[in-house]
All heavy atoms as atom14 arrays in JSON, in Angstrom:
{
  "sequence": "GAGGMSKSQVSRLCMEIDERVDAFLSRPLEGAWPYL",
  "atom14_mask": [
    [1, 1, 1, 1, 0, 0, 0, 0, 0, 0, 0, 0, 0, 0],
    [1, 1, 1, 1, 1, 0, 0, 0, 0, 0, 0, 0, 0, 0],
    [1, 1, 1, 1, 0, 0, 0, 0, 0, 0, 0, 0, 0, 0],
    [1, 1, 1, 1, 0, 0, 0, 0, 0, 0, 0, 0, 0, 0],
    [1, 1, 1, 1, 1, 1, 1, 1, 0, 0, 0, 0, 0, 0],
    [1, 1, 1, 1, 1, 1, 0, 0, 0, 0, 0, 0, 0, 0],
    [1, 1, 1, 1, 1, 1, 1, 1, 1, 0, 0, 0, 0, 0],
    [1, 1, 1, 1, 1, 1, 0, 0, 0, 0, 0, 0, 0, 0],
    [1, 1, 1, 1, 1, 1, 1, 1, 1, 0, 0, 0, 0, 0],
    [1, 1, 1, 1, 1, 1, 1, 0, 0, 0, 0, 0, 0, 0],
    [1, 1, 1, 1, 1, 1, 0, 0, 0, 0, 0, 0, 0, 0],
    [1, 1, 1, 1, 1, 1, 1, 1, 1, 1, 1, 0, 0, 0],
    [1, 1, 1, 1, 1, 1, 1, 1, 0, 0, 0, 0, 0, 0],
    [1, 1, 1, 1, 1, 1, 0, 0, 0, 0, 0, 0, 0, 0],
    [1, 1, 1, 1, 1, 1, 1, 1, 0, 0, 0, 0, 0, 0],
    [1, 1, 1, 1, 1, 1, 1, 1, 1, 0, 0, 0, 0, 0],
    [1, 1, 1, 1, 1, 1, 1, 1, 0, 0, 0, 0, 0, 0],
    [1, 1, 1, 1, 1, 1, 1, 1, 0, 0, 0, 0, 0, 0],
    [1, 1, 1, 1, 1, 1, 1, 1, 1, 0, 0, 0, 0, 0],
    [1, 1, 1, 1, 1, 1, 1, 1, 1, 1, 1, 0, 0, 0],
    [1, 1, 1, 1, 1, 1, 1, 0, 0, 0, 0, 0, 0, 0],
    [1, 1, 1, 1, 1, 1, 1, 1, 0, 0, 0, 0, 0, 0],
    [1, 1, 1, 1, 1, 0, 0, 0, 0, 0, 0, 0, 0, 0],
    [1, 1, 1, 1, 1, 1, 1, 1, 1, 1, 1, 0, 0, 0],
    [1, 1, 1, 1, 1, 1, 1, 1, 0, 0, 0, 0, 0, 0],
    [1, 1, 1, 1, 1, 1, 0, 0, 0, 0, 0, 0, 0, 0],
    [1, 1, 1, 1, 1, 1, 1, 1, 1, 1, 1, 0, 0, 0],
    [1, 1, 1, 1, 1, 1, 1, 0, 0, 0, 0, 0, 0, 0],
    [1, 1, 1, 1, 1, 1, 1, 1, 0, 0, 0, 0, 0, 0],
    [1, 1, 1, 1, 1, 1, 1, 1, 1, 0, 0, 0, 0, 0],
    [1, 1, 1, 1, 0, 0, 0, 0, 0, 0, 0, 0, 0, 0],
    [1, 1, 1, 1, 1, 0, 0, 0, 0, 0, 0, 0, 0, 0],
    [1, 1, 1, 1, 1, 1, 1, 1, 1, 1, 1, 1, 1, 1],
    [1, 1, 1, 1, 1, 1, 1, 0, 0, 0, 0, 0, 0, 0],
    [1, 1, 1, 1, 1, 1, 1, 1, 1, 1, 1, 1, 0, 0],
    [1, 1, 1, 1, 1, 1, 1, 1, 0, 0, 0, 0, 0, 0]
  ],
  "atom14_positions": [
    [[0.82, -1.21, 0.0], [0.0, 0.0, 0.0], [0.85, 1.25, 0.0], [0.45, 2.28, 0.53], [0.0, 0.0, 0.0], [0.0, 0.0, 0.0], [0.0, 0.0, 0.0], [0.0, 0.0, 0.0], [0.0, 0.0, 0.0], [0.0, 0.0, 0.0], [0.0, 0.0, 0.0], [0.0, 0.0, 0.0], [0.0, 0.0, 0.0], [0.0, 0.0, 0.0]],
    [[2.04, 1.18, -0.61], [2.99, 2.3, -0.54], [3.31, 2.85, -1.92], [4.34, 3.48, -2.12], [4.28, 1.83, 0.13], [0.0, 0.0, 0.0], [0.0, 0.0, 0.0], [0.0, 0.0, 0.0], [0.0, 0.0, 0.0], [0.0, 0.0, 0.0], [0.0, 0.0, 0.0], [0.0, 0.0, 0.0], [0.0, 0.0, 0.0], [0.0, 0.0, 0.0]],
    [[2.44, 2.63, -2.89], [2.74, 3.08, -4.24], [2.58, 4.56, -4.45], [2.92, 5.08, -5.5], [0.0, 0.0, 0.0], [0.0, 0.0, 0.0], [0.0, 0.0, 0.0], [0.0, 0.0, 0.0], [0.0, 0.0, 0.0], [0.0, 0.0, 0.0], [0.0, 0.0, 0.0], [0.0, 0.0, 0.0], [0.0, 0.0, 0.0], [0.0, 0.0, 0.0]],
    [[2.06, 5.28, -3.45], [1.81, 6.71, -3.62], [2.96, 7.6, -3.19], [2.83, 8.83, -3.2], [0.0, 0.0, 0.0], [0.0, 0.0, 0.0], [0.0, 0.0, 0.0], [0.0, 0.0, 0.0], [0.0, 0.0, 0.0], [0.0, 0.0, 0.0], [0.0, 0.0, 0.0], [0.0, 0.0, 0.0], [0.0, 0.0, 0.0], [0.0, 0.0, 0.0]],
    [[4.1, 7.07, -2.8], [5.22, 7.89, -2.35], [5.86, 8.6, -3.54], [6.07, 8.02, -4.59], [6.27, 7.04, -1.63], [5.81, 6.53, -0.28], [7.16, 5.65, 0.6], [8.24, 7.02, 1.02], [0.0, 0.0, 0.0], [0.0, 0.0, 0.0], [0.0, 0.0, 0.0], [0.0, 0.0, 0.0], [0.0, 0.0, 0.0], [0.0, 0.0, 0.0]],
    [[6.2, 9.87, -3.35], [6.85, 10.65, -4.39], [8.36, 10.41, -4.36], [8.89, 9.85, -3.4], [6.57, 12.13, -4.19], [7.18, 12.59, -3.0], [0.0, 0.0, 0.0], [0.0, 0.0, 0.0], [0.0, 0.0, 0.0], [0.0, 0.0, 0.0], [0.0, 0.0, 0.0], [0.0, 0.0, 0.0], [0.0, 0.0, 0.0], [0.0, 0.0, 0.0]],
    [[9.05, 10.89, -5.41], [10.5, 10.74, -5.46], [11.16, 11.49, -4.31], [12.16, 11.03, -3.74], [11.03, 11.23, -6.8], [10.67, 10.34, -7.98], [11.33, 10.82, -9.26], [10.98, 9.9, -10.43], [11.62, 10.34, -11.69], [0.0, 0.0, 0.0], [0.0, 0.0, 0.0], [0.0, 0.0, 0.0], [0.0, 0.0, 0.0], [0.0, 0.0, 0.0]],
    [[10.63, 12.64, -3.95], [11.21, 13.42, -2.85], [11.02, 12.7, -1.52], [11.92, 12.71, -0.66], [10.59, 14.81, -2.79], [9.19, 14.74, -2.56], [0.0, 0.0, 0.0], [0.0, 0.0, 0.0], [0.0, 0.0, 0.0], [0.0, 0.0, 0.0], [0.0, 0.0, 0.0], [0.0, 0.0, 0.0], [0.0, 0.0, 0.0], [0.0, 0.0, 0.0]],
    [[9.89, 12.05, -1.33], [9.65, 11.3, -0.09], [10.6, 10.11, 0.0], [11.15, 9.83, 1.06], [8.19, 10.83, -0.04], [7.18, 11.93, 0.21], [5.76, 11.42, 0.13], [5.4, 10.68, -0.8], [4.94, 11.8, 1.08], [0.0, 0.0, 0.0], [0.0, 0.0, 0.0], [0.0, 0.0, 0.0], [0.0, 0.0, 0.0], [0.0, 0.0, 0.0]],
    [[10.78, 9.42, -1.11], [11.71, 8.29, -1.13], [13.13, 8.77, -0.88], [13.9, 8.13, -0.14], [11.62, 7.55, -2.48], [12.71, 6.48, -2.57], [10.25, 6.9, -2.65], [0.0, 0.0, 0.0], [0.0, 0.0, 0.0], [0.0, 0.0, 0.0], [0.0, 0.0, 0.0], [0.0, 0.0, 0.0], [0.0, 0.0, 0.0], [0.0, 0.0, 0.0]],
    [[13.49, 9.9, -1.46], [14.83, 10.46, -1.27], [15.09, 10.77, 0.2], [16.18, 10.48, 0.73], [15.0, 11.71, -2.12], [16.28, 12.28, -1.92], [0.0, 0.0, 0.0], [0.0, 0.0, 0.0], [0.0, 0.0, 0.0], [0.0, 0.0, 0.0], [0.0, 0.0, 0.0], [0.0, 0.0, 0.0], [0.0, 0.0, 0.0], [0.0, 0.0, 0.0]],
    [[14.11, 11.33, 0.88], [14.27, 11.64, 2.31], [14.41, 10.37, 3.13], [15.19, 10.31, 4.07], [13.09, 12.48, 2.8], [13.12, 13.93, 2.35], [12.16, 14.78, 3.16], [10.77, 14.36, 2.99], [9.97, 14.81, 2.03], [10.42, 15.7, 1.15], [8.72, 14.39, 1.95], [0.0, 0.0, 0.0], [0.0, 0.0, 0.0], [0.0, 0.0, 0.0]],
    [[13.63, 9.35, 2.77], [13.71, 8.07, 3.48], [15.1, 7.47, 3.31], [15.71, 6.98, 4.27], [12.64, 7.11, 2.95], [12.64, 5.68, 3.51], [12.43, 5.7, 5.02], [11.56, 4.85, 2.82], [0.0, 0.0, 0.0], [0.0, 0.0, 0.0], [0.0, 0.0, 0.0], [0.0, 0.0, 0.0], [0.0, 0.0, 0.0], [0.0, 0.0, 0.0]],
    [[15.64, 7.52, 2.08], [16.97, 6.97, 1.83], [18.04, 7.75, 2.59], [18.96, 7.17, 3.16], [17.28, 7.01, 0.33], [16.29, 5.85, -0.66], [0.0, 0.0, 0.0], [0.0, 0.0, 0.0], [0.0, 0.0, 0.0], [0.0, 0.0, 0.0], [0.0, 0.0, 0.0], [0.0, 0.0, 0.0], [0.0, 0.0, 0.0], [0.0, 0.0, 0.0]],
    [[17.92, 9.07, 2.62], [18.9, 9.9, 3.32], [18.93, 9.6, 4.81], [19.99, 9.54, 5.43], [18.61, 11.38, 3.08], [18.94, 11.87, 1.68], [18.51, 13.61, 1.44], [19.54, 14.38, 2.68], [0.0, 0.0, 0.0], [0.0, 0.0, 0.0], [0.0, 0.0, 0.0], [0.0, 0.0, 0.0], [0.0, 0.0, 0.0], [0.0, 0.0, 0.0]],
    [[17.75, 9.39, 5.39], [17.66, 9.08, 6.82], [18.42, 7.8, 7.15], [19.17, 7.74, 8.13], [16.19, 8.94, 7.21], [15.97, 8.44, 8.64], [14.53, 8.03, 8.9], [13.64, 8.46, 8.15], [14.31, 7.24, 9.85], [0.0, 0.0, 0.0], [0.0, 0.0, 0.0], [0.0, 0.0, 0.0], [0.0, 0.0, 0.0], [0.0, 0.0, 0.0]],
    [[18.25, 6.78, 6.32], [18.92, 5.5, 6.56], [20.41, 5.62, 6.25], [21.25, 5.11, 6.99], [18.28, 4.39, 5.71], [16.81, 4.23, 6.11], [19.02, 3.08, 5.87], [15.99, 3.46, 5.12], [0.0, 0.0, 0.0], [0.0, 0.0, 0.0], [0.0, 0.0, 0.0], [0.0, 0.0, 0.0], [0.0, 0.0, 0.0], [0.0, 0.0, 0.0]],
    [[20.74, 6.32, 5.15], [22.14, 6.45, 4.75], [22.98, 7.12, 5.82], [24.16, 6.78, 6.01], [22.25, 7.22, 3.44], [21.75, 6.42, 2.25], [21.56, 5.19, 2.41], [21.53, 7.0, 1.17], [0.0, 0.0, 0.0], [0.0, 0.0, 0.0], [0.0, 0.0, 0.0], [0.0, 0.0, 0.0], [0.0, 0.0, 0.0], [0.0, 0.0, 0.0]],
    [[22.41, 8.09, 6.52], [23.16, 8.77, 7.58], [23.58, 7.8, 8.67], [24.72, 7.82, 9.13], [22.31, 9.9, 8.17], [22.18, 11.12, 7.27], [21.32, 12.2, 7.89], [20.88, 12.02, 9.06], [21.09, 13.23, 7.24], [0.0, 0.0, 0.0], [0.0, 0.0, 0.0], [0.0, 0.0, 0.0], [0.0, 0.0, 0.0], [0.0, 0.0, 0.0]],
    [[22.67, 6.94, 9.09], [22.99, 5.96, 10.13], [23.99, 4.93, 9.63], [24.95, 4.59, 10.32], [21.71, 5.25, 10.59], [20.79, 6.08, 11.44], [19.82, 5.18, 12.18], [20.53, 4.3, 13.11], [19.99, 3.23, 13.67], [18.75, 2.88, 13.38], [20.68, 2.49, 14.51], [0.0, 0.0, 0.0], [0.0, 0.0, 0.0], [0.0, 0.0, 0.0]],
    [[23.76, 4.43, 8.42], [24.63, 3.39, 7.87], [26.04, 3.95, 7.63], [27.04, 3.3, 7.97], [24.04, 2.83, 6.57], [25.05, 1.93, 5.87], [22.77, 2.04, 6.86], [0.0, 0.0, 0.0], [0.0, 0.0, 0.0], [0.0, 0.0, 0.0], [0.0, 0.0, 0.0], [0.0, 0.0, 0.0], [0.0, 0.0, 0.0], [0.0, 0.0, 0.0]],
    [[26.12, 5.16, 7.06], [27.43, 5.76, 6.78], [28.21, 6.0, 8.07], [29.43, 5.79, 8.12], [27.27, 7.08, 6.02], [26.78, 6.86, 4.6], [26.83, 5.71, 4.12], [26.32, 7.84, 3.97], [0.0, 0.0, 0.0], [0.0, 0.0, 0.0], [0.0, 0.0, 0.0], [0.0, 0.0, 0.0], [0.0, 0.0, 0.0], [0.0, 0.0, 0.0]],
    [[27.52, 6.46, 9.12], [28.2, 6.7, 10.41], [28.75, 5.39, 10.96], [29.85, 5.35, 11.52], [27.23, 7.35, 11.39], [0.0, 0.0, 0.0], [0.0, 0.0, 0.0], [0.0, 0.0, 0.0], [0.0, 0.0, 0.0], [0.0, 0.0, 0.0], [0.0, 0.0, 0.0], [0.0, 0.0, 0.0], [0.0, 0.0, 0.0], [0.0, 0.0, 0.0]],
    [[27.99, 4.32, 10.8], [28.43, 3.01, 11.29], [29.62, 2.49, 10.5], [30.61, 2.01, 11.07], [27.26, 2.03, 11.21], [27.64, 0.59, 11.42], [28.12, 0.16, 12.65], [27.54, -0.33, 10.38], [28.48, -1.17, 12.85], [27.88, -1.65, 10.57], [28.36, -2.07, 11.81], [0.0, 0.0, 0.0], [0.0, 0.0, 0.0], [0.0, 0.0, 0.0]],
    [[29.55, 2.6, 9.18], [30.6, 2.03, 8.33], [31.87, 2.87, 8.28], [32.89, 2.4, 7.77], [30.06, 1.84, 6.91], [28.93, 0.81, 6.74], [28.45, 0.77, 5.3], [29.36, -0.58, 7.2], [0.0, 0.0, 0.0], [0.0, 0.0, 0.0], [0.0, 0.0, 0.0], [0.0, 0.0, 0.0], [0.0, 0.0, 0.0], [0.0, 0.0, 0.0]],
    [[31.81, 4.09, 8.8], [33.01, 4.94, 8.8], [33.54, 5.2, 10.21], [34.45, 6.01, 10.38], [32.7, 6.28, 8.11], [31.66, 6.97, 8.8], [0.0, 0.0, 0.0], [0.0, 0.0, 0.0], [0.0, 0.0, 0.0], [0.0, 0.0, 0.0], [0.0, 0.0, 0.0], [0.0, 0.0, 0.0], [0.0, 0.0, 0.0], [0.0, 0.0, 0.0]],
    [[32.99, 4.53, 11.21], [33.41, 4.78, 12.59], [34.88, 4.39, 12.79], [35.38, 3.46, 12.15], [32.53, 3.98, 13.57], [32.79, 2.49, 13.57], [31.71, 1.73, 14.33], [32.05, 0.33, 14.56], [31.95, -0.63, 13.64], [31.53, -0.33, 12.41], [32.27, -1.88, 13.94], [0.0, 0.0, 0.0], [0.0, 0.0, 0.0], [0.0, 0.0, 0.0]],
    [[35.59, 5.09, 13.68], [36.99, 4.75, 13.95], [37.09, 3.38, 14.62], [36.21, 2.98, 15.38], [37.45, 5.86, 14.9], [36.45, 6.96, 14.74], [35.16, 6.3, 14.41], [0.0, 0.0, 0.0], [0.0, 0.0, 0.0], [0.0, 0.0, 0.0], [0.0, 0.0, 0.0], [0.0, 0.0, 0.0], [0.0, 0.0, 0.0], [0.0, 0.0, 0.0]],
    [[38.17, 2.67, 14.33], [38.44, 1.36, 14.92], [39.63, 1.51, 15.86], [40.7, 1.95, 15.43], [38.73, 0.33, 13.83], [37.63, 0.15, 12.78], [38.1, -0.78, 11.67], [36.34, -0.37, 13.41], [0.0, 0.0, 0.0], [0.0, 0.0, 0.0], [0.0, 0.0, 0.0], [0.0, 0.0, 0.0], [0.0, 0.0, 0.0], [0.0, 0.0, 0.0]],
    [[39.43, 1.13, 17.11], [40.47, 1.31, 18.11], [40.99, -0.02, 18.62], [40.26, -1.01, 18.66], [39.93, 2.15, 19.28], [39.46, 3.54, 18.87], [38.87, 4.32, 20.04], [38.71, 3.71, 21.12], [38.57, 5.51, 19.87], [0.0, 0.0, 0.0], [0.0, 0.0, 0.0], [0.0, 0.0, 0.0], [0.0, 0.0, 0.0], [0.0, 0.0, 0.0]],
    [[42.25, -0.03, 19.02], [42.85, -1.24, 19.58], [43.32, -2.2, 18.5], [43.32, -1.89, 17.31], [0.0, 0.0, 0.0], [0.0, 0.0, 0.0], [0.0, 0.0, 0.0], [0.0, 0.0, 0.0], [0.0, 0.0, 0.0], [0.0, 0.0, 0.0], [0.0, 0.0, 0.0], [0.0, 0.0, 0.0], [0.0, 0.0, 0.0], [0.0, 0.0, 0.0]],
    [[43.74, -3.38, 18.94], [44.24, -4.42, 18.02], [43.13, -5.41, 17.7], [42.31, -5.75, 18.56], [45.43, -5.13, 18.64], [0.0, 0.0, 0.0], [0.0, 0.0, 0.0], [0.0, 0.0, 0.0], [0.0, 0.0, 0.0], [0.0, 0.0, 0.0], [0.0, 0.0, 0.0], [0.0, 0.0, 0.0], [0.0, 0.0, 0.0], [0.0, 0.0, 0.0]],
    [[43.16, -5.9, 16.47], [42.15, -6.85, 15.99], [42.88, -8.04, 15.37], [43.12, -8.07, 14.15], [41.24, -6.18, 14.96], [40.55, -4.95, 15.46], [41.1, -3.7, 15.61], [39.2, -4.85, 15.91], [40.16, -2.83, 16.11], [38.98, -3.51, 16.3], [38.14, -5.77, 15.99], [37.76, -3.06, 16.77], [36.92, -5.31, 16.47], [36.73, -3.99, 16.86]],
    [[43.25, -9.02, 16.17], [44.09, -10.11, 15.66], [43.45, -11.0, 14.6], [44.15, -11.54, 13.75], [44.44, -10.91, 16.92], [43.39, -10.54, 17.91], [43.01, -9.14, 17.62], [0.0, 0.0, 0.0], [0.0, 0.0, 0.0], [0.0, 0.0, 0.0], [0.0, 0.0, 0.0], [0.0, 0.0, 0.0], [0.0, 0.0, 0.0], [0.0, 0.0, 0.0]],
    [[42.12, -11.16, 14.64], [41.46, -12.05, 13.69], [40.47, -11.26, 12.83], [39.63, -10.52, 13.34], [40.71, -13.16, 14.41], [41.6, -14.05, 15.26], [41.32, -14.28, 16.6], [42.72, -14.67, 14.72], [42.13, -15.09, 17.38], [43.54, -15.48, 15.47], [43.24, -15.68, 16.81], [44.05, -16.49, 17.57], [0.0, 0.0, 0.0], [0.0, 0.0, 0.0]],
    [[40.56, -11.47, 11.52], [39.69, -10.78, 10.58], [39.07, -11.8, 9.62], [39.79, -12.54, 8.94], [40.5, -9.74, 9.78], [39.77, -9.02, 8.63], [38.65, -8.14, 9.17], [40.76, -8.16, 7.83], [0.0, 0.0, 0.0], [0.0, 0.0, 0.0], [0.0, 0.0, 0.0], [0.0, 0.0, 0.0], [0.0, 0.0, 0.0], [0.0, 0.0, 0.0]]
  ]
}
């Protein structure tokens, strides 16, 4: 039931999620990590 969303609404939804995901994927890594 979500076919009525506009491109601007979708863009805002994507930006909201991207901010959280980008912050997580770019966070500093501290200490030693022996196993990867």
